[in-house]
């Protein structure tokens, strides 16, 4: 599986950043509308007083012929 790191520049205070970053609707819309990927699936989410861990999975939408799509799965 390939890995992709996505960076977004948000001009906002830290509290607003974390509110957006952890918001499921914002994340879904970013993937679906801005990136044109499938809706992300949360694989892991945990938090404690020290850290928040969130792992997502999503796939880019490929605009390819049906035969090719079937070949690559």
C-alpha atoms as a PDB file:
ATOM      1  CA  UNK A   1       0.000   0.000   0.000  1.00  0.00           C
ATOM      2  CA  UNK A   2       1.282   3.428  -0.864  1.00  0.00           C
ATOM      3  CA  UNK A   3       1.329   6.197   1.672  1.00  0.00           C
ATOM      4  CA  UNK A   4       0.456   9.822   1.044  1.00  0.00           C
ATOM      5  CA  UNK A   5       0.926  12.743   3.372  1.00  0.00           C
ATOM      6  CA  UNK A   6      -1.391  15.674   2.785  1.00  0.00           C
ATOM      7  CA  UNK A   7      -0.563  19.194   3.934  1.00  0.00           C
ATOM      8  CA  UNK A   8      -3.048  22.032   4.165  1.00  0.00           C
ATOM      9  CA  UNK A   9      -2.281  25.595   5.120  1.00  0.00           C
ATOM     10  CA  UNK A  10      -5.007  27.029   7.308  1.00  0.00           C
ATOM     11  CA  UNK A  11      -4.756  30.652   8.358  1.00  0.00           C
ATOM     12  CA  UNK A  12      -6.342  30.362  11.780  1.00  0.00           C
ATOM     13  CA  UNK A  13      -5.486  30.201  15.469  1.00  0.00           C
ATOM     14  CA  UNK A  14      -4.392  26.817  16.916  1.00  0.00           C
ATOM     15  CA  UNK A  15      -7.721  26.159  18.644  1.00  0.00           C
ATOM     16  CA  UNK A  16      -9.591  26.562  15.334  1.00  0.00           C
ATOM     17  CA  UNK A  17      -7.045  24.401  13.519  1.00  0.00           C
ATOM     18  CA  UNK A  18      -7.565  21.477  15.890  1.00  0.00           C
ATOM     19  CA  UNK A  19     -11.320  21.922  15.731  1.00  0.00           C
ATOM     20  CA  UNK A  20     -11.194  21.633  11.922  1.00  0.00           C
ATOM     21  CA  UNK A  21      -8.528  18.935  11.830  1.00  0.00           C
ATOM     22  CA  UNK A  22     -10.516  16.600  14.050  1.00  0.00           C
ATOM     23  CA  UNK A  23     -13.920  17.401  12.531  1.00  0.00           C
ATOM     24  CA  UNK A  24     -15.258  14.388  10.594  1.00  0.00           C
ATOM     25  CA  UNK A  25     -17.357  16.509   8.198  1.00  0.00           C
ATOM     26  CA  UNK A  26     -14.412  18.791   7.348  1.00  0.00           C
ATOM     27  CA  UNK A  27     -12.181  15.766   6.760  1.00  0.00           C
ATOM     28  CA  UNK A  28     -14.759  14.008   4.583  1.00  0.00           C
ATOM     29  CA  UNK A  29     -15.382  17.116   2.489  1.00  0.00           C
ATOM     30  CA  UNK A  30     -11.650  17.722   2.092  1.00  0.00           C
ATOM     31  CA  UNK A  31     -11.136  14.211   0.743  1.00  0.00           C
ATOM     32  CA  UNK A  32     -14.265  14.058  -1.418  1.00  0.00           C
ATOM     33  CA  UNK A  33     -14.512  17.598  -2.783  1.00  0.00           C
ATOM     34  CA  UNK A  34     -10.984  19.018  -2.706  1.00  0.00           C
ATOM     35  CA  UNK A  35      -8.914  15.892  -3.308  1.00  0.00           C
ATOM     36  CA  UNK A  36     -11.543  13.968  -5.317  1.00  0.00           C
ATOM     37  CA  UNK A  37     -10.835  10.836  -3.251  1.00  0.00           C
ATOM     38  CA  UNK A  38     -13.220   8.369  -1.648  1.00  0.00           C
ATOM     39  CA  UNK A  39     -14.603   9.269   1.747  1.00  0.00           C
ATOM     40  CA  UNK A  40     -12.011   8.426   4.389  1.00  0.00           C
ATOM     41  CA  UNK A  41     -12.468   5.573   6.816  1.00  0.00           C
ATOM     42  CA  UNK A  42     -11.153   6.077  10.327  1.00  0.00           C
ATOM     43  CA  UNK A  43      -8.908   3.095  11.060  1.00  0.00           C
ATOM     44  CA  UNK A  44      -7.823   4.227  14.483  1.00  0.00           C
ATOM     45  CA  UNK A  45      -8.721   7.053  16.831  1.00  0.00           C
ATOM     46  CA  UNK A  46      -7.469   7.412  20.365  1.00  0.00           C
ATOM     47  CA  UNK A  47      -6.579  10.281  22.592  1.00  0.00           C
ATOM     48  CA  UNK A  48      -5.261  10.967  26.038  1.00  0.00           C
ATOM     49  CA  UNK A  49      -3.917  13.985  27.870  1.00  0.00           C
ATOM     50  CA  UNK A  50      -0.688  13.833  25.846  1.00  0.00           C
ATOM     51  CA  UNK A  51      -1.681  13.044  22.259  1.00  0.00           C
ATOM     52  CA  UNK A  52      -4.366  12.381  19.683  1.00  0.00           C
ATOM     53  CA  UNK A  53      -3.817   9.585  17.164  1.00  0.00           C
ATOM     54  CA  UNK A  54      -6.009   9.352  14.081  1.00  0.00           C
ATOM     55  CA  UNK A  55      -5.258   7.084  11.138  1.00  0.00           C
ATOM     56  CA  UNK A  56      -7.395   7.287   8.004  1.00  0.00           C
ATOM     57  CA  UNK A  57      -7.675   5.265   4.821  1.00  0.00           C
ATOM     58  CA  UNK A  58      -8.942   6.630   1.499  1.00  0.00           C
ATOM     59  CA  UNK A  59      -8.330   6.018  -2.172  1.00  0.00           C
ATOM     60  CA  UNK A  60      -7.955   8.397  -5.072  1.00  0.00           C
ATOM     61  CA  UNK A  61     -10.698   8.113  -7.649  1.00  0.00           C
ATOM     62  CA  UNK A  62      -9.245   6.900 -10.914  1.00  0.00           C
ATOM     63  CA  UNK A  63     -10.828   7.937 -14.197  1.00  0.00           C
ATOM     64  CA  UNK A  64      -9.873   4.855 -16.196  1.00  0.00           C
ATOM     65  CA  UNK A  65     -11.460   2.457 -18.653  1.00  0.00           C
ATOM     66  CA  UNK A  66     -13.491  -0.419 -17.166  1.00  0.00           C
ATOM     67  CA  UNK A  67     -11.104  -3.092 -18.484  1.00  0.00           C
ATOM     68  CA  UNK A  68      -8.093  -1.364 -16.988  1.00  0.00           C
ATOM     69  CA  UNK A  69      -9.911  -0.802 -13.704  1.00  0.00           C
ATOM     70  CA  UNK A  70     -10.789  -4.487 -13.543  1.00  0.00           C
ATOM     71  CA  UNK A  71      -7.165  -5.419 -14.228  1.00  0.00           C
ATOM     72  CA  UNK A  72      -5.736  -3.298 -11.394  1.00  0.00           C
ATOM     73  CA  UNK A  73      -8.585  -4.051  -8.991  1.00  0.00           C
END
